[in-house]
Amino acid sequence: MSKTIKIGFIGTGGIGRTQMRHLKGISGVEVVAAADISEKALESAKQDWPALIAFNDYREMLKAVPEMDAVSVCTPNALHMEPTVAALNAGKHVMVEKPLAMNAREGQKMVDAARKACKHLSIGFQERFSANATMLRKLIEAGELGKINYVRCQALRRRGIPNWGVFGRKDLQGGGPMIDIGVHILEVAHFLMGAPRPITATGNTWTYLGNKPCNVACPWSNWDHKTYTVEDLATGMIRFENGAMLSIEASFAAHIEEDVWNLQIMGDKGGAIYNPAKVFSDRSGYMLNSTPAFVGKWDAFERKMRHFVEVVRDGKTNLSSGEAGLAVQKILDGVYASAEAGREVRIK
């Protein structure tokens, strides 16, 4: 640790506050400023960081607080690109919450701005920092599973349509469960696979419950069905340059037995599942299922924030870079583009 880094926030809603709370537990960090159009949100942010300077316009914050080393962008997806580029152009390192942007076209502008400014752009992908992902990545890097042929990803809720924020608005989010929760299981799968280059996508989306009033007892009832313009269920199949394939299923609302949050890896020497972590292999003439006794225990979200601090402050290699976010964004774009076109599409 060489110095205390000073961080500003653009967006102090739920995810911004969550980031701020985790930063309080990391030494050598100070949140010095925040920008939000909501005075209420800014006042809430001051509960964790009373000394922060509040702004209603992030542009004013970037001009008025030059001592900031980094900025975290915690806005709706449609408002990721412009603040990120502005902060990078102002000479700040940036973390932007997942997904990178509304689409890969916006994401490319963000990655280009980071390269031009010679600043780090990190994406708020926390699953890759989990204990299970850390263990599985080490096994894969050691060749324990061999060549990864196929990965199946599932981020499925039986009835989990958000009844807060703007998660049901395609104009502000870019999509529904695929881009909101599917992105989490997708990013860790792509990371574990070694980030192969995607070349084609086939996908579909369906909306059948979210655009109607809630008529069943469920934990998150009374969502705003009148403004709901995203999918309830999305599926996709991705082909990679190295011959591997990945399937992704994501839902806010699906007629299934229970919620599912998992991925399954199938390699030519072994396989694994993510949650709970298990490994499957052949040993001495027997098929064995291996369960680790202990993989470590930590908060993946806290690890994500700590990693960003260490990248900016200590020069650590960025494991959640803008380039990683752009690759995931291209996969998301491919699924949605295929769904709209009704056919397989190429990923450029």
Protein backbone atom coordinates (compact mmCIF):
# COMPACT_ATOMS: atom_id res chain seq x y z
CA MET A 1 0.00 0.00 0.00
CA SER A 2 1.63 3.22 -1.19
CA LYS A 3 -1.05 5.83 -0.49
CA THR A 4 -4.69 6.48 0.30
CA ILE A 5 -6.76 6.60 -2.87
CA LYS A 6 -9.70 8.95 -3.20
CA ILE A 7 -12.83 7.74 -4.94
CA GLY A 8 -15.90 9.55 -6.24
CA PHE A 9 -19.28 8.02 -7.07
CA ILE A 10 -21.64 8.69 -9.95
CA GLY A 11 -24.93 7.24 -8.75
CA THR A 12 -25.65 6.63 -5.07
CA GLY A 13 -28.64 4.32 -5.25
CA GLY A 14 -28.71 0.75 -3.99
CA ILE A 15 -25.64 -0.61 -5.75
CA GLY A 16 -23.65 2.56 -5.09
CA ARG A 17 -24.43 2.39 -1.39
CA THR A 18 -23.45 -1.29 -1.35
CA GLN A 19 -20.09 -0.44 -2.88
CA MET A 20 -19.55 2.39 -0.39
CA ARG A 21 -20.25 0.13 2.58
CA HIS A 22 -17.72 -2.42 1.37
CA LEU A 23 -15.10 0.27 0.82
CA LYS A 24 -15.37 1.28 4.48
CA GLY A 25 -13.76 -2.00 5.45
CA ILE A 26 -10.75 -1.52 3.16
CA SER A 27 -7.81 0.46 4.46
CA GLY A 28 -6.27 3.19 2.35
CA VAL A 29 -9.54 4.30 0.76
CA GLU A 30 -11.55 7.50 1.10
CA VAL A 31 -14.85 8.33 -0.66
CA VAL A 32 -14.52 12.07 -1.21
CA ALA A 33 -17.41 12.97 -3.54
CA ALA A 34 -20.64 11.70 -5.05
CA ALA A 35 -23.04 12.85 -7.75
CA ASP A 36 -26.71 11.97 -8.05
CA ILE A 37 -29.86 13.73 -9.23
CA SER A 38 -31.59 12.52 -6.05
CA GLU A 39 -30.97 14.57 -2.91
CA LYS A 40 -32.37 11.71 -0.84
CA ALA A 41 -29.83 9.28 -2.30
CA LEU A 42 -26.99 11.71 -1.61
CA GLU A 43 -28.09 12.13 2.00
CA SER A 44 -28.16 8.35 2.40
CA ALA A 45 -24.63 8.14 1.03
CA LYS A 46 -23.44 10.58 3.66
CA GLN A 47 -24.51 8.14 6.38
CA ASP A 48 -21.51 6.01 5.42
CA TRP A 49 -19.14 8.80 4.33
CA PRO A 50 -20.22 12.03 6.12
CA ALA A 51 -17.40 14.14 4.69
CA LEU A 52 -18.12 13.46 1.02
CA ILE A 53 -18.95 16.47 -1.17
CA ALA A 54 -22.33 16.09 -2.89
CA PHE A 55 -23.20 17.15 -6.44
CA ASN A 56 -26.30 16.88 -8.62
CA ASP A 57 -24.22 16.79 -11.82
CA TYR A 58 -21.28 14.42 -12.26
CA ARG A 59 -19.62 16.87 -14.67
CA GLU A 60 -19.41 19.43 -11.89
CA MET A 61 -17.94 16.80 -9.57
CA LEU A 62 -15.22 15.90 -12.08
CA LYS A 63 -14.23 19.56 -12.39
CA ALA A 64 -14.54 20.51 -8.71
CA VAL A 65 -12.71 17.54 -7.13
CA PRO A 66 -9.52 17.04 -9.15
CA GLU A 67 -7.88 15.08 -6.34
CA MET A 68 -10.03 12.01 -7.05
CA ASP A 69 -7.97 9.03 -8.20
CA ALA A 70 -10.93 6.96 -9.34
CA VAL A 71 -14.66 7.04 -9.98
CA SER A 72 -17.29 4.33 -9.64
CA VAL A 73 -20.26 4.54 -12.00
CA CYS A 74 -23.38 3.02 -10.40
CA THR A 75 -26.17 4.27 -12.67
CA PRO A 76 -28.79 2.44 -14.77
CA ASN A 77 -27.27 0.73 -17.81
CA ALA A 78 -28.30 3.47 -20.24
CA LEU A 79 -26.23 5.93 -18.21
CA HIS A 80 -23.01 3.91 -18.06
CA MET A 81 -21.23 5.08 -21.18
CA GLU A 82 -21.22 8.89 -21.00
CA PRO A 83 -20.15 9.24 -17.32
CA THR A 84 -17.50 6.55 -17.74
CA VAL A 85 -15.96 8.22 -20.79
CA ALA A 86 -16.14 11.62 -19.09
CA ALA A 87 -14.36 10.32 -15.99
CA LEU A 88 -11.67 8.57 -18.05
CA ASN A 89 -11.13 11.74 -20.10
CA ALA A 90 -10.75 13.60 -16.80
CA GLY A 91 -7.86 11.28 -15.92
CA LYS A 92 -9.67 9.01 -13.45
CA HIS A 93 -9.60 5.24 -13.18
CA VAL A 94 -13.15 3.89 -13.43
CA MET A 95 -15.19 1.00 -12.13
CA VAL A 96 -18.55 0.65 -13.84
CA GLU A 97 -21.17 -1.74 -12.52
CA LYS A 98 -22.24 -4.66 -14.65
CA PRO A 99 -23.01 -4.89 -17.49
CA LEU A 100 -20.42 -2.75 -19.23
CA ALA A 101 -23.03 -0.81 -21.21
CA MET A 102 -26.28 -1.05 -23.15
CA ASN A 103 -24.45 -2.69 -26.05
CA ALA A 104 -20.98 -3.47 -27.38
CA ARG A 105 -20.91 -0.31 -29.50
CA GLU A 106 -21.08 1.81 -26.35
CA GLY A 107 -18.71 -0.55 -24.58
CA GLN A 108 -16.08 -0.16 -27.29
CA LYS A 109 -16.13 3.63 -26.79
CA MET A 110 -15.50 3.08 -23.08
CA VAL A 111 -12.63 0.65 -23.68
CA ASP A 112 -11.10 3.01 -26.26
CA ALA A 113 -11.34 5.95 -23.83
CA ALA A 114 -9.54 3.94 -21.14
CA ARG A 115 -6.74 3.02 -23.53
CA LYS A 116 -6.36 6.60 -24.73
CA ALA A 117 -6.28 7.93 -21.16
CA CYS A 118 -3.94 5.11 -20.00
CA LYS A 119 -6.34 4.48 -17.10
CA HIS A 120 -7.89 1.31 -15.73
CA LEU A 121 -11.48 0.45 -16.61
CA SER A 122 -12.89 -2.26 -14.34
CA ILE A 123 -16.30 -3.93 -14.59
CA GLY A 124 -18.35 -4.78 -11.50
CA PHE A 125 -18.16 -8.55 -12.01
CA GLN A 126 -18.05 -10.12 -8.56
CA GLU A 127 -18.70 -13.81 -9.28
CA ARG A 128 -15.19 -14.31 -10.66
CA PHE A 129 -13.84 -13.28 -7.25
CA SER A 130 -15.82 -15.90 -5.31
CA ALA A 131 -14.10 -18.72 -3.45
CA ASN A 132 -15.65 -21.36 -5.71
CA ALA A 133 -14.54 -19.57 -8.88
CA THR A 134 -11.03 -19.17 -7.50
CA MET A 135 -10.74 -22.88 -6.82
CA LEU A 136 -12.21 -23.97 -10.17
CA ARG A 137 -10.02 -21.56 -12.10
CA LYS A 138 -6.91 -23.02 -10.45
CA LEU A 139 -8.02 -26.55 -11.35
CA ILE A 140 -8.68 -25.56 -14.95
CA GLU A 141 -5.36 -23.73 -15.27
CA ALA A 142 -3.62 -26.85 -13.91
CA GLY A 143 -5.26 -28.94 -16.65
CA GLU A 144 -7.38 -31.01 -14.28
CA LEU A 145 -10.48 -30.74 -16.50
CA GLY A 146 -8.61 -30.80 -19.81
CA LYS A 147 -10.07 -28.94 -22.77
CA ILE A 148 -13.36 -27.25 -21.90
CA ASN A 149 -15.95 -28.42 -24.43
CA TYR A 150 -19.24 -27.15 -23.06
CA VAL A 151 -20.57 -24.97 -20.25
CA ARG A 152 -24.20 -24.68 -19.21
CA CYS A 153 -25.15 -21.51 -17.31
CA GLN A 154 -28.40 -20.91 -15.43
CA ALA A 155 -29.61 -17.79 -13.62
CA LEU A 156 -33.26 -18.65 -13.15
CA ARG A 157 -35.90 -17.21 -10.86
CA ARG A 158 -39.32 -18.78 -10.54
CA ARG A 159 -40.92 -15.43 -9.72
CA GLY A 160 -38.35 -12.71 -9.08
CA ILE A 161 -39.34 -9.67 -11.12
CA PRO A 162 -37.77 -6.63 -9.41
CA ASN A 163 -40.41 -4.27 -8.00
CA TRP A 164 -37.97 -1.38 -7.56
CA GLY A 165 -35.66 0.60 -9.82
CA VAL A 166 -35.93 0.48 -13.61
CA PHE A 167 -35.19 -3.20 -14.22
CA GLY A 168 -38.36 -3.63 -16.27
CA ARG A 169 -37.55 -0.83 -18.73
CA LYS A 170 -35.71 -1.88 -21.86
CA ASP A 171 -34.91 1.74 -22.76
CA LEU A 172 -32.89 2.15 -19.55
CA GLN A 173 -31.57 -1.39 -19.04
CA GLY A 174 -31.16 -2.82 -22.52
CA GLY A 175 -32.99 -5.99 -21.56
CA GLY A 176 -34.30 -8.07 -18.67
CA PRO A 177 -32.93 -11.11 -16.84
CA MET A 178 -30.30 -11.94 -19.47
CA ILE A 179 -28.50 -8.60 -19.13
CA ASP A 180 -29.29 -8.15 -15.42
CA ILE A 181 -28.69 -11.49 -13.68
CA GLY A 182 -27.64 -13.75 -16.55
CA VAL A 183 -24.59 -11.53 -17.00
CA HIS A 184 -23.28 -12.63 -13.59
CA ILE A 185 -23.28 -16.35 -14.30
CA LEU A 186 -22.13 -15.68 -17.87
CA GLU A 187 -19.14 -13.58 -16.82
CA VAL A 188 -17.80 -16.16 -14.39
CA ALA A 189 -18.30 -18.95 -16.95
CA HIS A 190 -16.41 -17.03 -19.62
CA PHE A 191 -13.67 -16.27 -17.08
CA LEU A 192 -13.35 -19.91 -16.05
CA MET A 193 -13.19 -21.01 -19.70
CA GLY A 194 -10.19 -18.75 -20.23
CA ALA A 195 -12.13 -16.07 -22.15
CA PRO A 196 -12.32 -17.68 -25.62
CA ARG A 197 -13.51 -15.45 -28.46
CA PRO A 198 -17.25 -15.82 -29.23
CA ILE A 199 -18.11 -16.12 -32.93
CA THR A 200 -21.85 -16.94 -33.19
CA ALA A 201 -24.98 -16.73 -31.05
CA THR A 202 -28.44 -18.26 -31.21
CA GLY A 203 -31.06 -17.03 -28.77
CA ASN A 204 -34.66 -16.28 -27.99
CA THR A 205 -36.67 -14.25 -25.48
CA TRP A 206 -40.22 -14.49 -24.17
CA THR A 207 -42.47 -12.11 -22.22
CA TYR A 208 -45.62 -13.59 -20.72
CA LEU A 209 -45.92 -12.57 -17.03
CA GLY A 210 -44.07 -9.34 -16.33
CA ASN A 211 -46.34 -7.24 -18.52
CA LYS A 212 -49.40 -8.32 -16.54
CA PRO A 213 -50.53 -7.55 -12.96
CA CYS A 214 -49.13 -9.87 -10.29
CA ASN A 215 -51.78 -12.52 -9.50
CA VAL A 216 -49.86 -14.93 -7.25
CA ALA A 217 -48.24 -14.76 -3.83
CA CYS A 218 -44.51 -14.23 -4.32
CA PRO A 219 -41.66 -12.45 -2.49
CA TRP A 220 -41.44 -9.57 -4.98
CA SER A 221 -45.02 -8.79 -5.91
CA ASN A 222 -46.56 -5.64 -7.35
CA TRP A 223 -43.95 -4.83 -9.96
CA ASP A 224 -44.86 -2.08 -12.44
CA HIS A 225 -46.35 -4.15 -15.25
CA LYS A 226 -47.41 -1.03 -17.18
CA THR A 227 -43.80 -0.01 -17.88
CA TYR A 228 -42.47 -3.58 -18.23
CA THR A 229 -40.87 -3.92 -21.67
CA VAL A 230 -38.18 -6.58 -21.07
CA GLU A 231 -38.22 -10.35 -21.33
CA ASP A 232 -39.28 -12.79 -18.61
CA LEU A 233 -37.11 -15.60 -19.98
CA ALA A 234 -34.12 -15.62 -22.31
CA THR A 235 -31.96 -18.44 -23.61
CA GLY A 236 -28.88 -18.51 -25.78
CA MET A 237 -26.25 -20.77 -27.30
CA ILE A 238 -22.77 -19.39 -27.98
CA ARG A 239 -20.10 -20.93 -30.21
CA PHE A 240 -16.46 -19.97 -29.56
CA GLU A 241 -13.46 -19.81 -31.86
CA ASN A 242 -11.76 -22.70 -30.02
CA GLY A 243 -14.70 -25.05 -30.66
CA ALA A 244 -16.24 -24.78 -27.18
CA MET A 245 -19.91 -23.97 -26.70
CA LEU A 246 -21.89 -22.31 -23.92
CA SER A 247 -25.60 -22.25 -23.19
CA ILE A 248 -27.19 -19.57 -21.01
CA GLU A 249 -30.66 -19.49 -19.45
CA ALA A 250 -31.92 -16.50 -17.48
CA SER A 251 -35.36 -15.64 -16.11
CA PHE A 252 -37.16 -13.18 -13.89
CA ALA A 253 -40.25 -15.38 -14.08
CA ALA A 254 -40.38 -19.01 -15.21
CA HIS A 255 -42.56 -21.98 -14.31
CA ILE A 256 -39.83 -24.02 -12.63
CA GLU A 257 -39.61 -25.83 -9.30
CA GLU A 258 -37.14 -23.46 -7.68
CA ASP A 259 -34.61 -20.77 -8.40
CA VAL A 260 -31.35 -21.94 -9.99
CA TRP A 261 -27.97 -20.18 -9.82
CA ASN A 262 -25.30 -22.43 -11.25
CA LEU A 263 -23.06 -23.45 -14.08
CA GLN A 264 -21.78 -26.83 -15.20
CA ILE A 265 -18.44 -27.35 -16.94
CA MET A 266 -17.75 -30.36 -19.17
CA GLY A 267 -14.13 -30.93 -20.19
CA ASP A 268 -12.47 -33.87 -21.91
CA LYS A 269 -10.62 -34.89 -18.71
CA GLY A 270 -13.14 -33.85 -16.08
CA GLY A 271 -16.10 -31.69 -15.22
CA ALA A 272 -17.40 -29.49 -12.44
CA ILE A 273 -20.32 -27.55 -11.09
CA TYR A 274 -20.03 -24.13 -9.54
CA ASN A 275 -22.57 -24.03 -6.72
CA PRO A 276 -21.85 -25.99 -4.59
CA ALA A 277 -18.39 -26.65 -6.01
CA LYS A 278 -17.90 -30.26 -7.10
CA VAL A 279 -15.50 -31.93 -9.51
CA PHE A 280 -16.14 -35.07 -11.59
CA SER A 281 -13.34 -37.21 -13.00
CA ASP A 282 -12.12 -40.72 -13.76
CA ARG A 283 -9.44 -42.14 -11.44
CA SER A 284 -7.87 -45.61 -11.45
CA GLY A 285 -10.77 -47.11 -13.36
CA TYR A 286 -13.53 -45.42 -11.36
CA MET A 287 -15.80 -42.43 -11.88
CA LEU A 288 -15.27 -40.13 -8.89
CA ASN A 289 -17.23 -37.18 -7.57
CA SER A 290 -15.02 -34.89 -5.49
CA THR A 291 -16.28 -32.30 -3.01
CA PRO A 292 -13.67 -29.90 -1.62
CA ALA A 293 -13.44 -29.88 2.16
CA PHE A 294 -12.79 -26.15 2.18
CA VAL A 295 -12.41 -23.59 -0.61
CA GLY A 296 -12.10 -20.47 1.51
CA LYS A 297 -14.75 -18.17 2.83
CA TRP A 298 -15.09 -14.54 1.86
CA ASP A 299 -17.51 -12.00 0.43
CA ALA A 300 -17.06 -11.92 -3.36
CA PHE A 301 -18.45 -8.37 -3.57
CA GLU A 302 -15.89 -7.18 -1.02
CA ARG A 303 -13.15 -8.95 -2.99
CA LYS A 304 -14.32 -7.14 -6.12
CA MET A 305 -14.01 -3.75 -4.44
CA ARG A 306 -10.70 -4.63 -2.81
CA HIS A 307 -9.33 -5.80 -6.16
CA PHE A 308 -10.26 -2.48 -7.80
CA VAL A 309 -8.48 -0.58 -5.05
CA GLU A 310 -5.37 -2.76 -5.44
CA VAL A 311 -5.40 -2.35 -9.23
CA VAL A 312 -5.54 1.46 -8.94
CA ARG A 313 -3.32 1.88 -5.89
CA ASP A 314 -0.85 -1.00 -6.09
CA GLY A 315 -0.67 -1.80 -9.80
CA LYS A 316 -2.22 -5.27 -9.60
CA THR A 317 -3.24 -6.96 -12.85
CA ASN A 318 -6.86 -6.10 -13.62
CA LEU A 319 -8.85 -9.36 -13.58
CA SER A 320 -12.10 -7.62 -14.47
CA SER A 321 -11.00 -5.33 -17.27
CA GLY A 322 -12.97 -3.38 -19.81
CA GLU A 323 -11.90 -5.91 -22.43
CA ALA A 324 -13.44 -8.72 -20.34
CA GLY A 325 -16.63 -6.69 -20.02
CA LEU A 326 -16.70 -6.05 -23.76
CA ALA A 327 -16.41 -9.76 -24.58
CA VAL A 328 -19.34 -10.53 -22.28
CA GLN A 329 -21.30 -7.62 -23.76
CA LYS A 330 -20.82 -9.02 -27.27
CA ILE A 331 -22.28 -12.32 -26.11
CA LEU A 332 -25.30 -10.55 -24.59
CA ASP A 333 -25.75 -8.51 -27.77
CA GLY A 334 -25.56 -11.69 -29.83
CA VAL A 335 -28.31 -13.43 -27.85
CA TYR A 336 -30.63 -10.43 -28.13
CA ALA A 337 -29.81 -9.88 -31.82
CA SER A 338 -30.53 -13.54 -32.61
CA ALA A 339 -33.82 -13.38 -30.72
CA GLU A 340 -34.86 -10.36 -32.77
CA ALA A 341 -33.72 -11.81 -36.08
CA GLY A 342 -35.04 -15.32 -35.46
CA ARG A 343 -31.79 -16.91 -36.60
CA GLU A 344 -28.16 -17.47 -35.65
CA VAL A 345 -26.02 -14.33 -35.84
CA ARG A 346 -22.29 -13.76 -36.09
CA ILE A 347 -20.50 -11.94 -33.30
CA LYS A 348 -17.99 -9.45 -34.71
